[in-house]
ModelCIF file with pLDDT and N, C-alpha, C, O atoms, coordinates in Angstrom:
data_MODEL
#
_entry.id   MODEL 
#
_entity.id                         1 
_entity.type                       polymer 
_entity.pdbx_number_of_molecules   1 
#
_entity_poly.entity_id                      1 
_entity_poly.type                           'polypeptide(L)' 
_entity_poly.nstd_linkage                   no 
_entity_poly.nstd_monomer                   no 
_entity_poly.pdbx_seq_one_letter_code       GLEEAYQQYKALQIWDSVVGDVIAKATVVEQFSQGQLFIRVKNSSWRM 
_entity_poly.pdbx_seq_one_letter_code_can   GLEEAYQQYKALQIWDSVVGDVIAKATVVEQFSQGQLFIRVKNSSWRM 
_entity_poly.pdbx_strand_id                 A 
#
loop_
_entity_poly_seq.entity_id 
_entity_poly_seq.num 
_entity_poly_seq.mon_id 
_entity_poly_seq.hetero 
1 1  GLY n 
1 2  LEU n 
1 3  GLU n 
1 4  GLU n 
1 5  ALA n 
1 6  TYR n 
1 7  GLN n 
1 8  GLN n 
1 9  TYR n 
1 10 LYS n 
1 11 ALA n 
1 12 LEU n 
1 13 GLN n 
1 14 ILE n 
1 15 TRP n 
1 16 ASP n 
1 17 SER n 
1 18 VAL n 
1 19 VAL n 
1 20 GLY n 
1 21 ASP n 
1 22 VAL n 
1 23 ILE n 
1 24 ALA n 
1 25 LYS n 
1 26 ALA n 
1 27 THR n 
1 28 VAL n 
1 29 VAL n 
1 30 GLU n 
1 31 GLN n 
1 32 PHE n 
1 33 SER n 
1 34 GLN n 
1 35 GLY n 
1 36 GLN n 
1 37 LEU n 
1 38 PHE n 
1 39 ILE n 
1 40 ARG n 
1 41 VAL n 
1 42 LYS n 
1 43 ASN n 
1 44 SER n 
1 45 SER n 
1 46 TRP n 
1 47 ARG n 
1 48 MET n 
#
_struct_asym.id          A 
_struct_asym.entity_id   1 
#
loop_
_ma_qa_metric.id 
_ma_qa_metric.mode 
_ma_qa_metric.name 
_ma_qa_metric.software_group_id 
_ma_qa_metric.type 
1 global pLDDT . pLDDT 
2 local  pLDDT . pLDDT 
#
_ma_qa_metric_global.metric_id      1 
_ma_qa_metric_global.metric_value   87.42 
_ma_qa_metric_global.model_id       1 
_ma_qa_metric_global.ordinal_id     1 
#
loop_
_ma_qa_metric_local.label_asym_id 
_ma_qa_metric_local.label_comp_id 
_ma_qa_metric_local.label_seq_id 
_ma_qa_metric_local.metric_id 
_ma_qa_metric_local.metric_value 
_ma_qa_metric_local.model_id 
_ma_qa_metric_local.ordinal_id 
A GLY 1  2 67.00 1 1  
A LEU 2  2 71.00 1 2  
A GLU 3  2 75.00 1 3  
A GLU 4  2 74.00 1 4  
A ALA 5  2 74.00 1 5  
A TYR 6  2 75.00 1 6  
A GLN 7  2 76.00 1 7  
A GLN 8  2 78.00 1 8  
A TYR 9  2 78.00 1 9  
A LYS 10 2 81.00 1 10 
A ALA 11 2 81.00 1 11 
A LEU 12 2 80.00 1 12 
A GLN 13 2 85.00 1 13 
A ILE 14 2 87.00 1 14 
A TRP 15 2 90.00 1 15 
A ASP 16 2 90.00 1 16 
A SER 17 2 91.00 1 17 
A VAL 18 2 91.00 1 18 
A VAL 19 2 93.00 1 19 
A GLY 20 2 91.00 1 20 
A ASP 21 2 92.00 1 21 
A VAL 22 2 93.00 1 22 
A ILE 23 2 93.00 1 23 
A ALA 24 2 92.00 1 24 
A LYS 25 2 94.00 1 25 
A ALA 26 2 94.00 1 26 
A THR 27 2 94.00 1 27 
A VAL 28 2 92.00 1 28 
A VAL 29 2 91.00 1 29 
A GLU 30 2 90.00 1 30 
A GLN 31 2 87.00 1 31 
A PHE 32 2 85.00 1 32 
A SER 33 2 84.00 1 33 
A GLN 34 2 86.00 1 34 
A GLY 35 2 87.00 1 35 
A GLN 36 2 91.00 1 36 
A LEU 37 2 91.00 1 37 
A PHE 38 2 94.00 1 38 
A ILE 39 2 94.00 1 39 
A ARG 40 2 95.00 1 40 
A VAL 41 2 95.00 1 41 
A LYS 42 2 93.00 1 42 
A ASN 43 2 93.00 1 43 
A SER 44 2 93.00 1 44 
A SER 45 2 93.00 1 45 
A TRP 46 2 94.00 1 46 
A ARG 47 2 94.00 1 47 
A MET 48 2 94.00 1 48 
#
loop_
_atom_site.group_PDB 
_atom_site.id 
_atom_site.type_symbol 
_atom_site.label_atom_id 
_atom_site.label_alt_id 
_atom_site.label_comp_id 
_atom_site.label_asym_id 
_atom_site.label_entity_id 
_atom_site.label_seq_id 
_atom_site.pdbx_PDB_ins_code 
_atom_site.Cartn_x 
_atom_site.Cartn_y 
_atom_site.Cartn_z 
_atom_site.occupancy 
_atom_site.B_iso_or_equiv 
_atom_site.pdbx_formal_charge 
_atom_site.auth_seq_id 
_atom_site.auth_comp_id 
_atom_site.auth_asym_id 
_atom_site.auth_atom_id 
_atom_site.pdbx_PDB_model_num 
ATOM 1   N N  . GLY A 1 1  ? -2.399 -86.221 -125.564 1.00 67.00 ? 1  GLY A N  1 
ATOM 2   C CA . GLY A 1 1  ? -3.350 -87.041 -126.302 1.00 67.00 ? 1  GLY A CA 1 
ATOM 3   C C  . GLY A 1 1  ? -3.456 -86.658 -127.770 1.00 67.00 ? 1  GLY A C  1 
ATOM 4   O O  . GLY A 1 1  ? -4.502 -86.846 -128.392 1.00 67.00 ? 1  GLY A O  1 
ATOM 5   N N  . LEU A 1 2  ? -2.398 -86.133 -128.310 1.00 71.00 ? 2  LEU A N  1 
ATOM 6   C CA . LEU A 1 2  ? -2.387 -85.683 -129.702 1.00 71.00 ? 2  LEU A CA 1 
ATOM 7   C C  . LEU A 1 2  ? -1.458 -86.547 -130.553 1.00 71.00 ? 2  LEU A C  1 
ATOM 8   O O  . LEU A 1 2  ? -0.683 -86.028 -131.356 1.00 71.00 ? 2  LEU A O  1 
ATOM 9   N N  . GLU A 1 3  ? -1.538 -87.836 -130.379 1.00 75.00 ? 3  GLU A N  1 
ATOM 10  C CA . GLU A 1 3  ? -0.638 -88.755 -131.070 1.00 75.00 ? 3  GLU A CA 1 
ATOM 11  C C  . GLU A 1 3  ? -0.767 -88.643 -132.590 1.00 75.00 ? 3  GLU A C  1 
ATOM 12  O O  . GLU A 1 3  ? 0.241  -88.654 -133.297 1.00 75.00 ? 3  GLU A O  1 
ATOM 13  N N  . GLU A 1 4  ? -1.998 -88.536 -133.097 1.00 74.00 ? 4  GLU A N  1 
ATOM 14  C CA . GLU A 1 4  ? -2.184 -88.439 -134.546 1.00 74.00 ? 4  GLU A CA 1 
ATOM 15  C C  . GLU A 1 4  ? -1.562 -87.147 -135.089 1.00 74.00 ? 4  GLU A C  1 
ATOM 16  O O  . GLU A 1 4  ? -0.967 -87.149 -136.167 1.00 74.00 ? 4  GLU A O  1 
ATOM 17  N N  . ALA A 1 5  ? -1.697 -86.068 -134.357 1.00 74.00 ? 5  ALA A N  1 
ATOM 18  C CA . ALA A 1 5  ? -1.094 -84.798 -134.768 1.00 74.00 ? 5  ALA A CA 1 
ATOM 19  C C  . ALA A 1 5  ? 0.424  -84.923 -134.822 1.00 74.00 ? 5  ALA A C  1 
ATOM 20  O O  . ALA A 1 5  ? 1.066  -84.374 -135.717 1.00 74.00 ? 5  ALA A O  1 
ATOM 21  N N  . TYR A 1 6  ? 0.990  -85.641 -133.871 1.00 75.00 ? 6  TYR A N  1 
ATOM 22  C CA . TYR A 1 6  ? 2.439  -85.856 -133.881 1.00 75.00 ? 6  TYR A CA 1 
ATOM 23  C C  . TYR A 1 6  ? 2.860  -86.688 -135.083 1.00 75.00 ? 6  TYR A C  1 
ATOM 24  O O  . TYR A 1 6  ? 3.884  -86.404 -135.705 1.00 75.00 ? 6  TYR A O  1 
ATOM 25  N N  . GLN A 1 7  ? 2.087  -87.704 -135.413 1.00 76.00 ? 7  GLN A N  1 
ATOM 26  C CA . GLN A 1 7  ? 2.404  -88.534 -136.581 1.00 76.00 ? 7  GLN A CA 1 
ATOM 27  C C  . GLN A 1 7  ? 2.369  -87.693 -137.856 1.00 76.00 ? 7  GLN A C  1 
ATOM 28  O O  . GLN A 1 7  ? 3.192  -87.885 -138.751 1.00 76.00 ? 7  GLN A O  1 
ATOM 29  N N  . GLN A 1 8  ? 1.428  -86.771 -137.940 1.00 78.00 ? 8  GLN A N  1 
ATOM 30  C CA . GLN A 1 8  ? 1.358  -85.887 -139.100 1.00 78.00 ? 8  GLN A CA 1 
ATOM 31  C C  . GLN A 1 8  ? 2.580  -84.972 -139.153 1.00 78.00 ? 8  GLN A C  1 
ATOM 32  O O  . GLN A 1 8  ? 3.167  -84.776 -140.217 1.00 78.00 ? 8  GLN A O  1 
ATOM 33  N N  . TYR A 1 9  ? 2.955  -84.424 -138.022 1.00 78.00 ? 9  TYR A N  1 
ATOM 34  C CA . TYR A 1 9  ? 4.156  -83.587 -137.934 1.00 78.00 ? 9  TYR A CA 1 
ATOM 35  C C  . TYR A 1 9  ? 5.387  -84.383 -138.353 1.00 78.00 ? 9  TYR A C  1 
ATOM 36  O O  . TYR A 1 9  ? 6.231  -83.898 -139.108 1.00 78.00 ? 9  TYR A O  1 
ATOM 37  N N  . LYS A 1 10 ? 5.472  -85.595 -137.858 1.00 81.00 ? 10 LYS A N  1 
ATOM 38  C CA . LYS A 1 10 ? 6.615  -86.449 -138.160 1.00 81.00 ? 10 LYS A CA 1 
ATOM 39  C C  . LYS A 1 10 ? 6.673  -86.784 -139.654 1.00 81.00 ? 10 LYS A C  1 
ATOM 40  O O  . LYS A 1 10 ? 7.762  -86.854 -140.224 1.00 81.00 ? 10 LYS A O  1 
ATOM 41  N N  . ALA A 1 11 ? 5.524  -86.989 -140.290 1.00 81.00 ? 11 ALA A N  1 
ATOM 42  C CA . ALA A 1 11 ? 5.491  -87.280 -141.732 1.00 81.00 ? 11 ALA A CA 1 
ATOM 43  C C  . ALA A 1 11 ? 6.119  -86.143 -142.524 1.00 81.00 ? 11 ALA A C  1 
ATOM 44  O O  . ALA A 1 11 ? 6.832  -86.382 -143.499 1.00 81.00 ? 11 ALA A O  1 
ATOM 45  N N  . LEU A 1 12 ? 5.860  -84.920 -142.114 1.00 80.00 ? 12 LEU A N  1 
ATOM 46  C CA . LEU A 1 12 ? 6.458  -83.770 -142.781 1.00 80.00 ? 12 LEU A CA 1 
ATOM 47  C C  . LEU A 1 12 ? 7.967  -83.742 -142.582 1.00 80.00 ? 12 LEU A C  1 
ATOM 48  O O  . LEU A 1 12 ? 8.709  -83.362 -143.488 1.00 80.00 ? 12 LEU A O  1 
ATOM 49  N N  . GLN A 1 13 ? 8.417  -84.141 -141.409 1.00 85.00 ? 13 GLN A N  1 
ATOM 50  C CA . GLN A 1 13 ? 9.828  -84.078 -141.076 1.00 85.00 ? 13 GLN A CA 1 
ATOM 51  C C  . GLN A 1 13 ? 10.663 -85.168 -141.750 1.00 85.00 ? 13 GLN A C  1 
ATOM 52  O O  . GLN A 1 13 ? 11.836 -84.944 -142.052 1.00 85.00 ? 13 GLN A O  1 
ATOM 53  N N  . ILE A 1 14 ? 10.078 -86.338 -141.989 1.00 87.00 ? 14 ILE A N  1 
ATOM 54  C CA . ILE A 1 14 ? 10.871 -87.455 -142.510 1.00 87.00 ? 14 ILE A CA 1 
ATOM 55  C C  . ILE A 1 14 ? 10.805 -87.598 -144.027 1.00 87.00 ? 14 ILE A C  1 
ATOM 56  O O  . ILE A 1 14 ? 11.425 -88.504 -144.584 1.00 87.00 ? 14 ILE A O  1 
ATOM 57  N N  . TRP A 1 15 ? 10.065 -86.721 -144.706 1.00 90.00 ? 15 TRP A N  1 
ATOM 58  C CA . TRP A 1 15 ? 9.913  -86.821 -146.159 1.00 90.00 ? 15 TRP A CA 1 
ATOM 59  C C  . TRP A 1 15 ? 11.264 -86.986 -146.863 1.00 90.00 ? 15 TRP A C  1 
ATOM 60  O O  . TRP A 1 15 ? 11.443 -87.919 -147.645 1.00 90.00 ? 15 TRP A O  1 
ATOM 61  N N  . ASP A 1 16 ? 12.209 -86.090 -146.591 1.00 90.00 ? 16 ASP A N  1 
ATOM 62  C CA . ASP A 1 16 ? 13.506 -86.125 -147.279 1.00 90.00 ? 16 ASP A CA 1 
ATOM 63  C C  . ASP A 1 16 ? 14.246 -87.439 -147.055 1.00 90.00 ? 16 ASP A C  1 
ATOM 64  O O  . ASP A 1 16 ? 14.829 -87.986 -147.991 1.00 90.00 ? 16 ASP A O  1 
ATOM 65  N N  . SER A 1 17 ? 14.229 -87.942 -145.846 1.00 91.00 ? 17 SER A N  1 
ATOM 66  C CA . SER A 1 17 ? 14.961 -89.184 -145.569 1.00 91.00 ? 17 SER A CA 1 
ATOM 67  C C  . SER A 1 17 ? 14.280 -90.404 -146.185 1.00 91.00 ? 17 SER A C  1 
ATOM 68  O O  . SER A 1 17 ? 14.950 -91.372 -146.542 1.00 91.00 ? 17 SER A O  1 
ATOM 69  N N  . VAL A 1 18 ? 12.964 -90.365 -146.311 1.00 91.00 ? 18 VAL A N  1 
ATOM 70  C CA . VAL A 1 18 ? 12.229 -91.497 -146.891 1.00 91.00 ? 18 VAL A CA 1 
ATOM 71  C C  . VAL A 1 18 ? 12.413 -91.554 -148.407 1.00 91.00 ? 18 VAL A C  1 
ATOM 72  O O  . VAL A 1 18 ? 12.628 -92.632 -148.961 1.00 91.00 ? 18 VAL A O  1 
ATOM 73  N N  . VAL A 1 19 ? 12.331 -90.409 -149.082 1.00 93.00 ? 19 VAL A N  1 
ATOM 74  C CA . VAL A 1 19 ? 12.395 -90.410 -150.547 1.00 93.00 ? 19 VAL A CA 1 
ATOM 75  C C  . VAL A 1 19 ? 13.812 -90.323 -151.089 1.00 93.00 ? 19 VAL A C  1 
ATOM 76  O O  . VAL A 1 19 ? 14.038 -90.653 -152.253 1.00 93.00 ? 19 VAL A O  1 
ATOM 77  N N  . GLY A 1 20 ? 14.766 -89.893 -150.287 1.00 91.00 ? 20 GLY A N  1 
ATOM 78  C CA . GLY A 1 20 ? 16.147 -89.796 -150.739 1.00 91.00 ? 20 GLY A CA 1 
ATOM 79  C C  . GLY A 1 20 ? 16.479 -88.398 -151.253 1.00 91.00 ? 20 GLY A C  1 
ATOM 80  O O  . GLY A 1 20 ? 15.591 -87.577 -151.480 1.00 91.00 ? 20 GLY A O  1 
ATOM 81  N N  . ASP A 1 21 ? 17.773 -88.147 -151.429 1.00 92.00 ? 21 ASP A N  1 
ATOM 82  C CA . ASP A 1 21 ? 18.262 -86.818 -151.794 1.00 92.00 ? 21 ASP A CA 1 
ATOM 83  C C  . ASP A 1 21 ? 17.777 -86.323 -153.148 1.00 92.00 ? 21 ASP A C  1 
ATOM 84  O O  . ASP A 1 21 ? 17.413 -85.156 -153.286 1.00 92.00 ? 21 ASP A O  1 
ATOM 85  N N  . VAL A 1 22 ? 17.768 -87.194 -154.146 1.00 93.00 ? 22 VAL A N  1 
ATOM 86  C CA . VAL A 1 22 ? 17.410 -86.771 -155.499 1.00 93.00 ? 22 VAL A CA 1 
ATOM 87  C C  . VAL A 1 22 ? 15.963 -86.276 -155.553 1.00 93.00 ? 22 VAL A C  1 
ATOM 88  O O  . VAL A 1 22 ? 15.691 -85.198 -156.082 1.00 93.00 ? 22 VAL A O  1 
ATOM 89  N N  . ILE A 1 23 ? 15.042 -87.065 -155.006 1.00 93.00 ? 23 ILE A N  1 
ATOM 90  C CA . ILE A 1 23 ? 13.631 -86.666 -155.004 1.00 93.00 ? 23 ILE A CA 1 
ATOM 91  C C  . ILE A 1 23 ? 13.420 -85.485 -154.054 1.00 93.00 ? 23 ILE A C  1 
ATOM 92  O O  . ILE A 1 23 ? 12.625 -84.592 -154.347 1.00 93.00 ? 23 ILE A O  1 
ATOM 93  N N  . ALA A 1 24 ? 14.113 -85.473 -152.940 1.00 92.00 ? 24 ALA A N  1 
ATOM 94  C CA . ALA A 1 24 ? 13.966 -84.376 -151.979 1.00 92.00 ? 24 ALA A CA 1 
ATOM 95  C C  . ALA A 1 24 ? 14.343 -83.038 -152.609 1.00 92.00 ? 24 ALA A C  1 
ATOM 96  O O  . ALA A 1 24 ? 13.722 -82.018 -152.308 1.00 92.00 ? 24 ALA A O  1 
ATOM 97  N N  . LYS A 1 25 ? 15.346 -83.032 -153.473 1.00 94.00 ? 25 LYS A N  1 
ATOM 98  C CA . LYS A 1 25 ? 15.757 -81.792 -154.133 1.00 94.00 ? 25 LYS A CA 1 
ATOM 99  C C  . LYS A 1 25 ? 14.736 -81.320 -155.164 1.00 94.00 ? 25 LYS A C  1 
ATOM 100 O O  . LYS A 1 25 ? 14.696 -80.135 -155.498 1.00 94.00 ? 25 LYS A O  1 
ATOM 101 N N  . ALA A 1 26 ? 13.914 -82.233 -155.669 1.00 94.00 ? 26 ALA A N  1 
ATOM 102 C CA . ALA A 1 26 ? 12.918 -81.885 -156.684 1.00 94.00 ? 26 ALA A CA 1 
ATOM 103 C C  . ALA A 1 26 ? 11.537 -81.617 -156.085 1.00 94.00 ? 26 ALA A C  1 
ATOM 104 O O  . ALA A 1 26 ? 10.593 -81.329 -156.819 1.00 94.00 ? 26 ALA A O  1 
ATOM 105 N N  . THR A 1 27 ? 11.411 -81.709 -154.762 1.00 94.00 ? 27 THR A N  1 
ATOM 106 C CA . THR A 1 27 ? 10.110 -81.556 -154.115 1.00 94.00 ? 27 THR A CA 1 
ATOM 107 C C  . THR A 1 27 ? 10.185 -80.650 -152.895 1.00 94.00 ? 27 THR A C  1 
ATOM 108 O O  . THR A 1 27 ? 11.249 -80.431 -152.316 1.00 94.00 ? 27 THR A O  1 
ATOM 109 N N  . VAL A 1 28 ? 9.021  -80.133 -152.526 1.00 92.00 ? 28 VAL A N  1 
ATOM 110 C CA . VAL A 1 28 ? 8.877  -79.356 -151.293 1.00 92.00 ? 28 VAL A CA 1 
ATOM 111 C C  . VAL A 1 28 ? 7.591  -79.814 -150.617 1.00 92.00 ? 28 VAL A C  1 
ATOM 112 O O  . VAL A 1 28 ? 6.530  -79.844 -151.240 1.00 92.00 ? 28 VAL A O  1 
ATOM 113 N N  . VAL A 1 29 ? 7.691  -80.167 -149.354 1.00 91.00 ? 29 VAL A N  1 
ATOM 114 C CA . VAL A 1 29 ? 6.510  -80.559 -148.592 1.00 91.00 ? 29 VAL A CA 1 
ATOM 115 C C  . VAL A 1 29 ? 5.737  -79.298 -148.248 1.00 91.00 ? 29 VAL A C  1 
ATOM 116 O O  . VAL A 1 29 ? 6.281  -78.363 -147.662 1.00 91.00 ? 29 VAL A O  1 
ATOM 117 N N  . GLU A 1 30 ? 4.454  -79.281 -148.620 1.00 90.00 ? 30 GLU A N  1 
ATOM 118 C CA . GLU A 1 30 ? 3.640  -78.092 -148.365 1.00 90.00 ? 30 GLU A CA 1 
ATOM 119 C C  . GLU A 1 30 ? 2.780  -78.223 -147.116 1.00 90.00 ? 30 GLU A C  1 
ATOM 120 O O  . GLU A 1 30 ? 2.835  -77.372 -146.228 1.00 90.00 ? 30 GLU A O  1 
ATOM 121 N N  . GLN A 1 31 ? 1.991  -79.282 -147.048 1.00 87.00 ? 31 GLN A N  1 
ATOM 122 C CA . GLN A 1 31 ? 1.120  -79.453 -145.883 1.00 87.00 ? 31 GLN A CA 1 
ATOM 123 C C  . GLN A 1 31 ? 0.625  -80.889 -145.791 1.00 87.00 ? 31 GLN A C  1 
ATOM 124 O O  . GLN A 1 31 ? 0.753  -81.684 -146.722 1.00 87.00 ? 31 GLN A O  1 
ATOM 125 N N  . PHE A 1 32 ? 0.054  -81.186 -144.627 1.00 85.00 ? 32 PHE A N  1 
ATOM 126 C CA . PHE A 1 32 ? -0.551 -82.491 -144.397 1.00 85.00 ? 32 PHE A CA 1 
ATOM 127 C C  . PHE A 1 32 ? -1.923 -82.231 -143.796 1.00 85.00 ? 32 PHE A C  1 
ATOM 128 O O  . PHE A 1 32 ? -2.034 -81.649 -142.716 1.00 85.00 ? 32 PHE A O  1 
ATOM 129 N N  . SER A 1 33 ? -2.958 -82.658 -144.489 1.00 84.00 ? 33 SER A N  1 
ATOM 130 C CA . SER A 1 33 ? -4.313 -82.393 -144.027 1.00 84.00 ? 33 SER A CA 1 
ATOM 131 C C  . SER A 1 33 ? -5.213 -83.585 -144.302 1.00 84.00 ? 33 SER A C  1 
ATOM 132 O O  . SER A 1 33 ? -5.276 -84.073 -145.431 1.00 84.00 ? 33 SER A O  1 
ATOM 133 N N  . GLN A 1 34 ? -5.905 -84.052 -143.284 1.00 86.00 ? 34 GLN A N  1 
ATOM 134 C CA . GLN A 1 34 ? -6.875 -85.135 -143.386 1.00 86.00 ? 34 GLN A CA 1 
ATOM 135 C C  . GLN A 1 34 ? -6.317 -86.362 -144.117 1.00 86.00 ? 34 GLN A C  1 
ATOM 136 O O  . GLN A 1 34 ? -6.982 -86.937 -144.979 1.00 86.00 ? 34 GLN A O  1 
ATOM 137 N N  . GLY A 1 35 ? -5.103 -86.750 -143.764 1.00 87.00 ? 35 GLY A N  1 
ATOM 138 C CA . GLY A 1 35 ? -4.491 -87.944 -144.332 1.00 87.00 ? 35 GLY A CA 1 
ATOM 139 C C  . GLY A 1 35 ? -3.852 -87.743 -145.693 1.00 87.00 ? 35 GLY A C  1 
ATOM 140 O O  . GLY A 1 35 ? -3.310 -88.685 -146.270 1.00 87.00 ? 35 GLY A O  1 
ATOM 141 N N  . GLN A 1 36 ? -3.909 -86.518 -146.213 1.00 91.00 ? 36 GLN A N  1 
ATOM 142 C CA . GLN A 1 36 ? -3.318 -86.231 -147.516 1.00 91.00 ? 36 GLN A CA 1 
ATOM 143 C C  . GLN A 1 36 ? -2.073 -85.373 -147.339 1.00 91.00 ? 36 GLN A C  1 
ATOM 144 O O  . GLN A 1 36 ? -2.099 -84.334 -146.678 1.00 91.00 ? 36 GLN A O  1 
ATOM 145 N N  . LEU A 1 37 ? -0.988 -85.830 -147.943 1.00 91.00 ? 37 LEU A N  1 
ATOM 146 C CA . LEU A 1 37 ? 0.279  -85.111 -147.916 1.00 91.00 ? 37 LEU A CA 1 
ATOM 147 C C  . LEU A 1 37 ? 0.419  -84.376 -149.241 1.00 91.00 ? 37 LEU A C  1 
ATOM 148 O O  . LEU A 1 37 ? 0.423  -85.001 -150.302 1.00 91.00 ? 37 LEU A O  1 
ATOM 149 N N  . PHE A 1 38 ? 0.535  -83.052 -149.185 1.00 94.00 ? 38 PHE A N  1 
ATOM 150 C CA . PHE A 1 38 ? 0.628  -82.234 -150.387 1.00 94.00 ? 38 PHE A CA 1 
ATOM 151 C C  . PHE A 1 38 ? 2.092  -81.877 -150.650 1.00 94.00 ? 38 PHE A C  1 
ATOM 152 O O  . PHE A 1 38 ? 2.770  -81.299 -149.800 1.00 94.00 ? 38 PHE A O  1 
ATOM 153 N N  . ILE A 1 39 ? 2.558  -82.235 -151.843 1.00 94.00 ? 39 ILE A N  1 
ATOM 154 C CA . ILE A 1 39 ? 3.954  -82.057 -152.224 1.00 94.00 ? 39 ILE A CA 1 
ATOM 155 C C  . ILE A 1 39 ? 4.031  -81.210 -153.492 1.00 94.00 ? 39 ILE A C  1 
ATOM 156 O O  . ILE A 1 39 ? 3.406  -81.535 -154.501 1.00 94.00 ? 39 ILE A O  1 
ATOM 157 N N  . ARG A 1 40 ? 4.800  -80.124 -153.436 1.00 95.00 ? 40 ARG A N  1 
ATOM 158 C CA . ARG A 1 40 ? 5.045  -79.317 -154.631 1.00 95.00 ? 40 ARG A CA 1 
ATOM 159 C C  . ARG A 1 40 ? 6.249  -79.925 -155.354 1.00 95.00 ? 40 ARG A C  1 
ATOM 160 O O  . ARG A 1 40 ? 7.281  -80.210 -154.747 1.00 95.00 ? 40 ARG A O  1 
ATOM 161 N N  . VAL A 1 41 ? 6.088  -80.117 -156.671 1.00 95.00 ? 41 VAL A N  1 
ATOM 162 C CA . VAL A 1 41 ? 7.107  -80.787 -157.483 1.00 95.00 ? 41 VAL A CA 1 
ATOM 163 C C  . VAL A 1 41 ? 7.730  -79.778 -158.437 1.00 95.00 ? 41 VAL A C  1 
ATOM 164 O O  . VAL A 1 41 ? 7.068  -78.858 -158.919 1.00 95.00 ? 41 VAL A O  1 
ATOM 165 N N  . LYS A 1 42 ? 9.019  -79.972 -158.697 1.00 93.00 ? 42 LYS A N  1 
ATOM 166 C CA . LYS A 1 42 ? 9.813  -79.061 -159.519 1.00 93.00 ? 42 LYS A CA 1 
ATOM 167 C C  . LYS A 1 42 ? 9.232  -78.839 -160.916 1.00 93.00 ? 42 LYS A C  1 
ATOM 168 O O  . LYS A 1 42 ? 9.180  -77.705 -161.393 1.00 93.00 ? 42 LYS A O  1 
ATOM 169 N N  . ASN A 1 43 ? 8.798  -79.910 -161.569 1.00 93.00 ? 43 ASN A N  1 
ATOM 170 C CA . ASN A 1 43 ? 8.248  -79.789 -162.922 1.00 93.00 ? 43 ASN A CA 1 
ATOM 171 C C  . ASN A 1 43 ? 7.333  -80.974 -163.222 1.00 93.00 ? 43 ASN A C  1 
ATOM 172 O O  . ASN A 1 43 ? 7.208  -81.895 -162.415 1.00 93.00 ? 43 ASN A O  1 
ATOM 173 N N  . SER A 1 44 ? 6.704  -80.939 -164.376 1.00 93.00 ? 44 SER A N  1 
ATOM 174 C CA . SER A 1 44 ? 5.726  -81.972 -164.726 1.00 93.00 ? 44 SER A CA 1 
ATOM 175 C C  . SER A 1 44 ? 6.369  -83.348 -164.927 1.00 93.00 ? 44 SER A C  1 
ATOM 176 O O  . SER A 1 44 ? 5.730  -84.371 -164.683 1.00 93.00 ? 44 SER A O  1 
ATOM 177 N N  . SER A 1 45 ? 7.608  -83.376 -165.363 1.00 93.00 ? 45 SER A N  1 
ATOM 178 C CA . SER A 1 45 ? 8.294  -84.668 -165.521 1.00 93.00 ? 45 SER A CA 1 
ATOM 179 C C  . SER A 1 45 ? 8.454  -85.364 -164.174 1.00 93.00 ? 45 SER A C  1 
ATOM 180 O O  . SER A 1 45 ? 8.216  -86.565 -164.047 1.00 93.00 ? 45 SER A O  1 
ATOM 181 N N  . TRP A 1 46 ? 8.861  -84.592 -163.176 1.00 94.00 ? 46 TRP A N  1 
ATOM 182 C CA . TRP A 1 46 ? 8.989  -85.157 -161.834 1.00 94.00 ? 46 TRP A CA 1 
ATOM 183 C C  . TRP A 1 46 ? 7.630  -85.565 -161.286 1.00 94.00 ? 46 TRP A C  1 
ATOM 184 O O  . TRP A 1 46 ? 7.512  -86.598 -160.627 1.00 94.00 ? 46 TRP A O  1 
ATOM 185 N N  . ARG A 1 47 ? 6.611  -84.767 -161.550 1.00 94.00 ? 47 ARG A N  1 
ATOM 186 C CA . ARG A 1 47 ? 5.268  -85.100 -161.066 1.00 94.00 ? 47 ARG A CA 1 
ATOM 187 C C  . ARG A 1 47 ? 4.819  -86.446 -161.620 1.00 94.00 ? 47 ARG A C  1 
ATOM 188 O O  . ARG A 1 47 ? 4.250  -87.259 -160.891 1.00 94.00 ? 47 ARG A O  1 
ATOM 189 N N  . MET A 1 48 ? 5.071  -86.686 -162.901 1.00 94.00 ? 48 MET A N  1 
ATOM 190 C CA . MET A 1 48 ? 4.702  -87.966 -163.523 1.00 94.00 ? 48 MET A CA 1 
ATOM 191 C C  . MET A 1 48 ? 5.507  -89.114 -162.910 1.00 94.00 ? 48 MET A C  1 
ATOM 192 O O  . MET A 1 48 ? 5.336  -90.268 -163.304 1.00 94.00 ? 48 MET A O  1 
#
């Protein structure tokens, strides 16, 4: 009965395939909490 938890887990796993190789190389998935996905970005240009 943890379907939402699985969806959150899956969101972390599919990040690279959804955004593509170029963005995936410039980002790191940190965590997913309360509907918010936290992504660490290589630099401020990429963040913008």
